[in-house]
Protein backbone atom coordinates (compact mmCIF):
# COMPACT_ATOMS: atom_id res chain seq x y z
CA UNK A 1 261.58 57.83 -75.22
CA UNK A 2 258.08 56.69 -74.74
CA UNK A 3 256.11 57.89 -71.72
CA UNK A 4 254.61 55.33 -69.22
CA UNK A 5 251.76 57.74 -68.67
CA UNK A 6 250.76 58.08 -72.34
CA UNK A 7 248.13 55.25 -72.32
CA UNK A 8 246.65 56.55 -69.16
CA UNK A 9 245.59 59.79 -70.97
CA UNK A 10 244.84 58.60 -74.40
CA UNK A 11 241.23 58.46 -75.40
CA UNK A 12 239.90 58.63 -71.86
CA UNK A 13 236.21 58.23 -72.17
CA UNK A 14 235.43 60.82 -69.53
CA UNK A 15 237.59 63.46 -71.18
CA UNK A 16 236.19 62.61 -74.56
CA UNK A 17 232.54 62.68 -73.38
CA UNK A 18 233.15 66.11 -71.61
CA UNK A 19 234.57 67.47 -74.81
CA UNK A 20 231.75 66.16 -76.95
CA UNK A 21 229.28 67.87 -74.57
CA UNK A 22 231.01 71.25 -74.58
CA UNK A 23 231.69 71.46 -78.21
CA UNK A 24 228.26 70.05 -79.13
CA UNK A 25 226.31 72.37 -77.01
CA UNK A 26 228.17 75.52 -78.27
CA UNK A 27 228.56 74.70 -81.88
CA UNK A 28 225.22 72.72 -81.99
CA UNK A 29 223.28 75.81 -80.84
CA UNK A 30 224.85 78.13 -83.43
CA UNK A 31 224.43 75.52 -86.18
CA UNK A 32 220.76 75.34 -85.47
CA UNK A 33 220.52 79.15 -85.78
CA UNK A 34 222.46 79.11 -88.94
CA UNK A 35 220.21 76.45 -90.51
CA UNK A 36 217.15 78.44 -89.66
CA UNK A 37 218.68 81.67 -90.88
CA UNK A 38 219.64 79.98 -94.15
CA UNK A 39 216.19 78.66 -94.54
CA UNK A 40 214.65 81.97 -94.29
CA UNK A 41 217.27 83.75 -96.28
CA UNK A 42 218.63 85.88 -93.19
CA UNK A 43 222.08 84.58 -92.87
CA UNK A 44 224.63 87.24 -91.81
CA UNK A 45 227.14 88.55 -89.43
CA UNK A 46 225.22 87.98 -86.25
CA UNK A 47 225.40 84.16 -86.42
CA UNK A 48 229.05 84.40 -87.76
CA UNK A 49 230.00 86.20 -84.72
CA UNK A 50 228.20 83.64 -82.56
CA UNK A 51 230.01 80.79 -84.07
CA UNK A 52 233.41 82.55 -83.43
CA UNK A 53 232.43 83.28 -79.90
CA UNK A 54 231.37 79.53 -79.30
CA UNK A 55 234.62 78.20 -80.75
CA UNK A 56 236.87 80.89 -79.16
CA UNK A 57 235.52 79.99 -75.73
CA UNK A 58 236.50 76.41 -76.13
CA UNK A 59 240.23 76.87 -77.03
CA UNK A 60 242.09 73.63 -77.86
CA UNK A 61 242.21 71.87 -81.20
CA UNK A 62 238.74 72.94 -82.32
CA UNK A 63 240.18 76.47 -82.73
CA UNK A 64 242.92 75.11 -84.97
CA UNK A 65 240.28 73.32 -87.10
CA UNK A 66 238.15 76.63 -87.27
CA UNK A 67 241.10 78.72 -88.45
CA UNK A 68 241.91 76.09 -90.99
CA UNK A 69 238.52 75.97 -92.31
CA UNK A 70 238.55 79.80 -92.71
CA UNK A 71 241.51 79.51 -95.03
CA UNK A 72 239.85 76.98 -97.44
CA UNK A 73 238.56 79.30 -100.22
CA UNK A 74 234.78 79.82 -100.22
CA UNK A 75 234.08 76.76 -98.00
CA UNK A 76 232.39 79.23 -95.71
CA UNK A 77 230.51 82.29 -96.40
CA UNK A 78 232.65 85.47 -96.21
CA UNK A 79 231.29 86.64 -93.02
CA UNK A 80 231.82 83.32 -91.33
CA UNK A 81 235.47 83.16 -92.57
CA UNK A 82 236.14 86.72 -91.45
CA UNK A 83 235.06 85.99 -87.94
CA UNK A 84 236.93 82.61 -87.68
CA UNK A 85 240.21 84.21 -88.96
CA UNK A 86 240.09 86.52 -86.00
CA UNK A 87 240.36 83.55 -83.60
CA UNK A 88 243.87 83.42 -81.96
CA UNK A 89 245.23 80.19 -80.56
CA UNK A 90 245.69 81.46 -77.03
CA UNK A 91 244.73 78.57 -74.70
CA UNK A 92 245.36 79.30 -70.95
CA UNK A 93 248.78 78.33 -69.97
CA UNK A 94 249.41 75.39 -67.54
CA UNK A 95 250.81 76.62 -64.10
CA UNK A 96 254.12 75.74 -62.84
CA UNK A 97 253.00 72.79 -60.57
CA UNK A 98 251.09 71.29 -63.56
CA UNK A 99 254.11 71.78 -65.81
CA UNK A 100 256.38 69.90 -63.32
CA UNK A 101 253.88 66.89 -63.31
CA UNK A 102 253.75 66.86 -67.16
CA UNK A 103 257.49 67.08 -67.41
CA UNK A 104 257.85 64.30 -64.94
CA UNK A 105 255.39 62.21 -66.98
CA UNK A 106 257.45 62.74 -70.05
CA UNK A 107 261.03 62.45 -68.82
CA UNK A 108 260.87 60.82 -65.37
CA UNK A 109 261.25 62.10 -61.76
CA UNK A 110 264.76 63.43 -62.42
CA UNK A 111 263.69 65.47 -65.53
CA UNK A 112 264.97 68.76 -64.18
CA UNK A 113 268.49 67.45 -63.82
CA UNK A 114 268.61 66.76 -67.53
CA UNK A 115 268.53 70.53 -68.27
CA UNK A 116 270.87 73.31 -67.37
CA UNK A 117 267.74 75.48 -66.69
CA UNK A 118 263.99 75.31 -67.44
CA UNK A 119 261.61 78.35 -67.20
CA UNK A 120 258.29 76.89 -65.69
CA UNK A 121 256.61 80.05 -67.19
CA UNK A 122 255.69 79.46 -70.81
CA UNK A 123 257.19 81.70 -73.50
CA UNK A 124 254.16 81.05 -75.68
CA UNK A 125 250.88 79.17 -75.44
CA UNK A 126 248.88 77.83 -78.33
CA UNK A 127 246.07 75.41 -79.11
CA UNK A 128 247.71 72.03 -78.35
CA UNK A 129 250.66 72.95 -76.24
CA UNK A 130 252.92 75.65 -74.84
CA UNK A 131 256.55 76.42 -75.47
CA UNK A 132 259.16 76.94 -72.57
CA UNK A 133 262.60 78.36 -72.60
CA UNK A 134 265.33 76.05 -71.37
CA UNK A 135 269.01 75.33 -71.72
CA UNK A 136 271.03 72.12 -72.13
CA UNK A 137 273.69 71.20 -69.50
CA UNK A 138 276.28 72.79 -71.61
CA UNK A 139 274.28 76.09 -71.93
CA UNK A 140 272.63 75.68 -75.47
CA UNK A 141 269.31 77.50 -75.66
CA UNK A 142 266.23 75.40 -76.13
CA UNK A 143 262.59 75.74 -77.03
CA UNK A 144 260.64 72.96 -75.30
CA UNK A 145 257.05 72.40 -76.67
CA UNK A 146 255.02 70.60 -74.01
CA UNK A 147 251.64 69.27 -75.05
CA UNK A 148 248.59 69.81 -72.95
CA UNK A 149 247.05 66.76 -71.32
CA UNK A 150 244.07 64.90 -72.82
CA UNK A 151 244.75 66.43 -76.33
CA UNK A 152 244.10 63.05 -78.01
CA UNK A 153 240.56 62.88 -76.50
CA UNK A 154 240.01 66.52 -77.22
CA UNK A 155 241.08 66.22 -80.92
CA UNK A 156 238.69 63.11 -81.49
CA UNK A 157 235.78 64.89 -79.95
CA UNK A 158 236.45 68.00 -82.09
CA UNK A 159 236.86 65.99 -85.18
CA UNK A 160 233.61 64.28 -84.58
CA UNK A 161 231.78 67.62 -84.33
CA UNK A 162 233.62 68.62 -87.47
CA UNK A 163 231.94 65.72 -89.20
CA UNK A 164 228.53 66.85 -88.11
CA UNK A 165 229.37 70.47 -89.41
CA UNK A 166 230.55 69.09 -92.82
CA UNK A 167 227.48 66.88 -93.10
CA UNK A 168 225.23 70.02 -92.48
CA UNK A 169 227.28 71.91 -95.08
CA UNK A 170 226.81 69.13 -97.59
CA UNK A 171 223.03 69.22 -97.17
CA UNK A 172 222.84 73.07 -97.54
CA UNK A 173 225.52 73.36 -100.30
CA UNK A 174 225.37 70.53 -102.81
CA UNK A 175 227.89 72.27 -104.99
CA UNK A 176 230.93 71.24 -102.90
CA UNK A 177 231.55 67.67 -101.46
CA UNK A 178 233.65 68.09 -98.31
CA UNK A 179 234.21 64.52 -97.52
CA UNK A 180 237.81 64.56 -98.69
CA UNK A 181 238.45 67.80 -96.92
CA UNK A 182 237.17 66.43 -93.66
CA UNK A 183 239.40 63.40 -94.11
CA UNK A 184 242.56 65.52 -94.85
CA UNK A 185 241.88 67.80 -91.86
CA UNK A 186 241.48 64.86 -89.55
CA UNK A 187 244.76 63.06 -90.59
CA UNK A 188 246.78 66.30 -90.41
CA UNK A 189 245.33 67.45 -86.93
CA UNK A 190 245.96 63.93 -85.49
CA UNK A 191 249.59 64.05 -86.79
CA UNK A 192 250.14 67.35 -84.94
CA UNK A 193 249.61 65.40 -81.75
CA UNK A 194 252.75 63.26 -82.43
CA UNK A 195 255.82 65.20 -81.47
CA UNK A 196 258.06 62.43 -82.51
CA UNK A 197 256.83 62.81 -86.00
CA UNK A 198 257.19 66.47 -85.79
CA UNK A 199 260.87 65.93 -84.80
CA UNK A 200 261.29 63.87 -88.00
CA UNK A 201 259.64 66.71 -89.95
CA UNK A 202 262.22 69.23 -88.49
CA UNK A 203 265.01 66.67 -89.32
CA UNK A 204 263.73 66.52 -92.90
CA UNK A 205 263.46 70.14 -93.31
CA UNK A 206 266.90 70.69 -91.81
CA UNK A 207 268.42 68.35 -94.50
CA UNK A 208 266.50 69.81 -97.48
CA UNK A 209 267.20 73.49 -96.52
CA UNK A 210 270.88 72.84 -95.27
CA UNK A 211 272.40 74.89 -98.11
CA UNK A 212 269.85 77.61 -98.03
CA UNK A 213 271.52 80.36 -95.93
CA UNK A 214 268.22 82.54 -95.90
CA UNK A 215 266.23 79.98 -93.94
CA UNK A 216 267.21 78.45 -90.58
CA UNK A 217 265.75 75.27 -89.09
CA UNK A 218 266.08 74.37 -85.64
CA UNK A 219 268.15 71.37 -84.41
CA UNK A 220 266.23 68.45 -82.52
CA UNK A 221 267.33 67.17 -79.21
CA UNK A 222 265.99 63.65 -79.20
CA UNK A 223 267.30 62.83 -75.67
CA UNK A 224 265.04 65.62 -74.28
CA UNK A 225 262.00 64.77 -76.56
CA UNK A 226 259.03 62.26 -76.33
CA UNK A 227 255.76 61.88 -78.27
CA UNK A 228 254.44 64.90 -76.32
CA UNK A 229 257.56 66.80 -75.57
CA UNK A 230 259.74 68.39 -78.38
CA UNK A 231 262.99 70.08 -77.51
CA UNK A 232 264.40 72.15 -80.27
CA UNK A 233 267.33 74.68 -80.43
CA UNK A 234 266.06 78.09 -79.65
CA UNK A 235 266.31 80.54 -82.68
CA UNK A 236 266.59 84.28 -81.79
CA UNK A 237 264.33 86.46 -84.20
CA UNK A 238 261.79 89.21 -84.47
CA UNK A 239 258.29 89.07 -85.61
CA UNK A 240 257.77 89.70 -89.28
CA UNK A 241 255.12 92.36 -88.63
CA UNK A 242 258.01 94.54 -87.46
CA UNK A 243 259.30 94.68 -90.92
CA UNK A 244 256.37 95.56 -92.97
CA UNK A 245 257.18 99.21 -93.03
CA UNK A 246 260.89 98.65 -93.78
CA UNK A 247 262.51 99.47 -97.20
CA UNK A 248 261.50 97.52 -100.19
CA UNK A 249 264.83 95.88 -100.23
CA UNK A 250 264.26 94.46 -96.83
CA UNK A 251 260.83 93.31 -97.53
CA UNK A 252 261.91 91.79 -100.76
CA UNK A 253 264.76 89.85 -99.05
CA UNK A 254 262.36 88.52 -96.51
CA UNK A 255 259.83 87.55 -99.11
CA UNK A 256 262.52 85.59 -101.18
CA UNK A 257 263.48 83.77 -98.01
CA UNK A 258 259.75 82.84 -97.47
CA UNK A 259 259.42 81.75 -101.02
CA UNK A 260 262.48 79.51 -100.87
CA UNK A 261 261.37 78.10 -97.46
CA UNK A 262 258.01 76.82 -98.97
CA UNK A 263 258.83 75.96 -102.56
CA UNK A 264 262.44 74.46 -102.33
CA UNK A 265 261.31 71.63 -100.06
CA UNK A 266 258.28 71.07 -102.29
CA UNK A 267 260.30 70.77 -105.37
CA UNK A 268 263.18 68.64 -103.91
CA UNK A 269 261.37 66.45 -101.51
CA UNK A 270 257.56 66.78 -102.27
CA UNK A 271 256.99 68.16 -98.86
CA UNK A 272 255.22 71.44 -97.85
CA UNK A 273 254.69 73.43 -94.62
CA UNK A 274 250.87 73.53 -94.47
CA UNK A 275 250.56 76.22 -91.94
CA UNK A 276 252.11 79.48 -93.15
CA UNK A 277 250.81 81.89 -90.61
CA UNK A 278 252.68 84.79 -89.04
CA UNK A 279 253.46 82.99 -85.79
CA UNK A 280 255.50 80.20 -87.33
CA UNK A 281 258.48 82.11 -88.39
CA UNK A 282 260.67 85.02 -87.13
CA UNK A 283 263.33 87.20 -88.84
CA UNK A 284 266.97 86.79 -88.00
CA UNK A 285 269.69 89.46 -88.57
CA UNK A 286 273.22 89.24 -89.87
CA UNK A 287 275.48 92.20 -89.18
CA UNK A 288 272.41 94.05 -87.96
CA UNK A 289 270.53 93.73 -91.22
CA UNK A 290 267.41 91.40 -91.72
CA UNK A 291 268.96 88.35 -93.54
CA UNK A 292 266.34 85.69 -93.50
CA UNK A 293 263.61 83.65 -91.64
CA UNK A 294 263.60 81.05 -88.86
CA UNK A 295 261.09 78.36 -89.69
CA UNK A 296 259.74 77.45 -86.24
CA UNK A 297 256.87 74.88 -86.33
CA UNK A 298 256.81 71.47 -88.08
CA UNK A 299 253.57 70.01 -86.83
CA UNK A 300 251.45 70.79 -89.92
CA UNK A 301 253.67 69.29 -92.67
CA UNK A 302 252.26 67.54 -95.69
CA UNK A 303 254.29 64.92 -97.55
CA UNK A 304 253.03 64.35 -101.14
CA UNK A 305 253.59 61.59 -103.55
CA UNK A 306 255.98 63.05 -106.25
CA UNK A 307 253.28 62.62 -108.95
CA UNK A 308 251.32 65.34 -107.15
CA UNK A 309 254.30 67.75 -107.59
CA UNK A 310 254.38 66.74 -111.19
CA UNK A 311 250.70 67.80 -111.43
CA UNK A 312 251.62 71.22 -109.88
CA UNK A 313 254.28 71.74 -112.55
CA UNK A 314 251.93 70.49 -115.32
CA UNK A 315 249.31 72.84 -114.36
CA UNK A 316 251.65 75.78 -114.30
CA UNK A 317 253.00 74.84 -117.69
CA UNK A 318 249.64 74.27 -119.10
CA UNK A 319 248.34 77.58 -118.03
CA UNK A 320 251.55 79.31 -119.23
CA UNK A 321 251.29 77.64 -122.63
CA UNK A 322 247.54 77.44 -123.04
CA UNK A 323 247.78 73.71 -123.22
CA UNK A 324 244.39 72.42 -122.25
CA UNK A 325 245.35 68.74 -122.36
CA UNK A 326 248.16 69.26 -119.84
CA UNK A 327 245.76 71.32 -117.61
CA UNK A 328 243.35 68.55 -117.53
CA UNK A 329 246.02 66.01 -116.96
CA UNK A 330 247.13 67.94 -113.91
CA UNK A 331 243.70 68.05 -112.24
CA UNK A 332 243.26 64.39 -112.86
CA UNK A 333 246.64 63.64 -111.23
CA UNK A 334 245.56 65.68 -108.28
CA UNK A 335 242.46 63.51 -107.88
CA UNK A 336 239.60 65.62 -109.41
CA UNK A 337 237.00 63.32 -111.06
CA UNK A 338 234.16 63.46 -113.47
CA UNK A 339 235.45 66.64 -115.04
CA UNK A 340 233.86 68.11 -118.14
CA UNK A 341 234.69 71.32 -120.11
CA UNK A 342 232.61 73.56 -117.92
CA UNK A 343 233.90 72.26 -114.61
CA UNK A 344 237.54 72.59 -115.92
CA UNK A 345 236.88 76.22 -116.82
CA UNK A 346 235.44 76.83 -113.29
CA UNK A 347 238.72 75.18 -111.73
CA UNK A 348 240.91 77.30 -113.97
CA UNK A 349 239.22 80.53 -112.48
CA UNK A 350 240.93 79.61 -109.16
CA UNK A 351 244.12 78.21 -110.80
CA UNK A 352 244.81 81.24 -112.72
CA UNK A 353 244.32 83.34 -109.43
CA UNK A 354 246.75 81.04 -107.35
CA UNK A 355 249.34 80.88 -110.24
CA UNK A 356 248.87 84.37 -111.30
CA UNK A 357 252.11 85.94 -109.79
CA UNK A 358 254.05 82.88 -111.15
CA UNK A 359 252.75 83.12 -114.83
CA UNK A 360 253.85 86.80 -115.41
CA UNK A 361 257.56 87.20 -116.15
CA UNK A 362 257.79 90.69 -114.47
CA UNK A 363 258.38 92.32 -111.22
CA UNK A 364 255.13 92.74 -109.37
CA UNK A 365 253.39 92.49 -105.99
CA UNK A 366 251.18 89.39 -105.41
CA UNK A 367 248.00 91.51 -105.28
CA UNK A 368 249.14 93.65 -108.27
CA UNK A 369 246.87 96.55 -107.40
CA UNK A 370 244.06 94.52 -105.74
CA UNK A 371 243.18 95.80 -102.25
CA UNK A 372 244.39 93.12 -99.64
CA UNK A 373 241.00 92.74 -98.21
CA UNK A 374 239.64 91.86 -101.55
CA UNK A 375 242.41 89.55 -102.76
CA UNK A 376 240.85 86.40 -104.19
CA UNK A 377 237.22 87.29 -103.12
CA UNK A 378 236.14 87.94 -106.69
CA UNK A 379 237.53 84.56 -107.90
CA UNK A 380 236.14 82.73 -104.90
CA UNK A 381 232.74 84.15 -105.65
CA UNK A 382 232.92 83.26 -109.34
CA UNK A 383 233.83 79.68 -108.40
CA UNK A 384 231.08 79.56 -105.88
CA UNK A 385 228.41 80.74 -108.23
CA UNK A 386 229.60 78.53 -111.11
CA UNK A 387 229.70 75.40 -109.01
CA UNK A 388 226.26 76.02 -107.61
CA UNK A 389 225.01 75.82 -111.21
CA UNK A 390 227.43 73.04 -112.43
CA UNK A 391 228.50 71.19 -109.19
CA UNK A 392 228.98 69.25 -107.24
CA UNK A 393 232.80 68.89 -107.15
CA UNK A 394 234.79 66.83 -104.75
CA UNK A 395 238.04 68.59 -103.48
CA UNK A 396 240.71 65.93 -103.53
CA UNK A 397 242.35 65.18 -100.10
CA UNK A 398 245.94 66.06 -101.33
CA UNK A 399 244.71 69.41 -102.77
CA UNK A 400 243.53 70.89 -99.47
CA UNK A 401 246.78 71.68 -97.78
CA UNK A 402 248.56 72.63 -101.02
CA UNK A 403 245.82 75.22 -101.60
CA UNK A 404 246.01 76.41 -97.98
CA UNK A 405 249.74 76.77 -98.18
CA UNK A 406 249.56 78.85 -101.41
CA UNK A 407 246.88 81.11 -100.11
CA UNK A 408 248.69 81.47 -96.71
CA UNK A 409 251.99 82.35 -98.36
CA UNK A 410 250.26 84.74 -100.59
CA UNK A 411 249.01 86.56 -97.49
CA UNK A 412 252.54 86.87 -96.22
CA UNK A 413 253.59 88.52 -99.34
CA UNK A 414 250.71 90.76 -99.07
CA UNK A 415 251.74 91.89 -95.63
CA UNK A 416 255.23 92.46 -96.93
CA UNK A 417 254.12 94.30 -100.17
CA UNK A 418 257.17 92.66 -101.78
CA UNK A 419 257.90 93.43 -105.31
CA UNK A 420 259.54 90.41 -106.92
CA UNK A 421 259.67 88.44 -110.18
CA UNK A 422 257.90 85.41 -108.81
CA UNK A 423 257.90 83.72 -112.29
CA UNK A 424 261.64 83.62 -112.28
CA UNK A 425 261.84 82.43 -108.55
CA UNK A 426 259.52 79.49 -109.44
CA UNK A 427 261.25 78.68 -112.66
CA UNK A 428 264.53 78.40 -110.69
CA UNK A 429 262.90 75.88 -108.35
CA UNK A 430 261.53 73.62 -111.06
CA UNK A 431 264.39 73.83 -113.50
CA UNK A 432 265.17 70.38 -114.78
CA UNK A 433 262.27 68.92 -112.85
CA UNK A 434 261.18 65.35 -113.38
CA UNK A 435 259.03 63.07 -111.34
CA UNK A 436 261.45 60.33 -111.50
CA UNK A 437 264.40 62.33 -110.12
CA UNK A 438 262.11 63.74 -107.45
CA UNK A 439 261.20 60.30 -106.35
CA UNK A 440 264.78 59.47 -105.86
CA UNK A 441 265.55 62.59 -103.89
CA UNK A 442 262.47 62.29 -101.76
CA UNK A 443 263.16 58.67 -100.94
CA UNK A 444 266.63 59.50 -99.70
CA UNK A 445 265.52 62.38 -97.57
CA UNK A 446 262.60 60.53 -96.02
CA UNK A 447 264.66 57.55 -95.28
CA UNK A 448 267.25 59.69 -93.61
CA UNK A 449 264.56 61.41 -91.40
CA UNK A 450 262.89 58.07 -90.53
CA UNK A 451 259.68 58.94 -92.32
CA UNK A 452 257.51 56.56 -94.57
CA UNK A 453 257.31 57.16 -98.18
CA UNK A 454 253.93 58.16 -99.47
CA UNK A 455 251.82 55.56 -101.22
């Protein structure tokens, strides 16, 4: 149900102006030092640490943007990416009195009577909101995600500063055109503010993964949800890092569930979870044994046009069969433009890295002997150096979160040190694939969830 208080907080000038000032002062000062250091060839870890400190002190959505930037391969110098990846989304929680006011704003003055219980102390705090334990009137356990106030103003202010940072990046690094990256980040972060949309994402995933026993999706409670309050069933589970030293059978079972959670919705509904970090899933047990994953967060979900999925399959098949025409067609479907033979070869460096585990029909780890800290670094450096000579290249908007999801999922497999035949797992997901059939399936799934079909 819509909140009568929503318009009062949305885009307030004072909140936005204050955010501009704090973000601009902190980031602007570091950016100036970065520019001078780059000019005199002395860029290094000191400025990188200063940038991380400036962003970390702000909390809120700018941290989410910073963490996202750090996952886009070679968008930032390695020392900057390393510092930004250390940031944790741990905004100070709202106190009990503030939570009561926020809940009243969303559900009305009798809000507490609509729950069996509601813990005013948050179970978790993140960049855009915090999660509270609660129960329904009949005792069902809930996870209630409550958004912080003034987040729309904060997001718009942060994205404005992101535009400034990207403009600076384009002037310093003409090999990469970041305009489409900025556009995609802006659209996805704005979507994360809309909890009604996130509820639809959860409903979509629940339908697509209904028959996958190894992946659990929470149920949405629409009568206890609004645009800034999302009530889902509470899924009991354990952190994945507690299983990294388990038996190879356990680690492989978890990795297979993770693979299914990401690639099955992609191949069946052209949708992907764009935020595969360790806080977005837990492990559930069955009969005492780890059996699968709970997929918890649906704010950062990317819905693709079916032709984009066709491009993913075409690139895979093209690399597998050394079919250059199919590879080029895939890049063009994704939105890469002005490609020549040299640029295609450069893009293939990264493509062969991302697709590497899928192309080899054998049991292997994702890293396959490469140290985790060096995973992908050599390929990113090669791409960087080659594009400096042959660039610029514009990264298409749809490609950004696909690439991020692939890199993030690979990082999970690195943590688990899983030993699987990823080729056969992927082949099972794309068996009998056709863009036409996917278009029909996606349309049915999106209609049922109340989501618009991609243009």
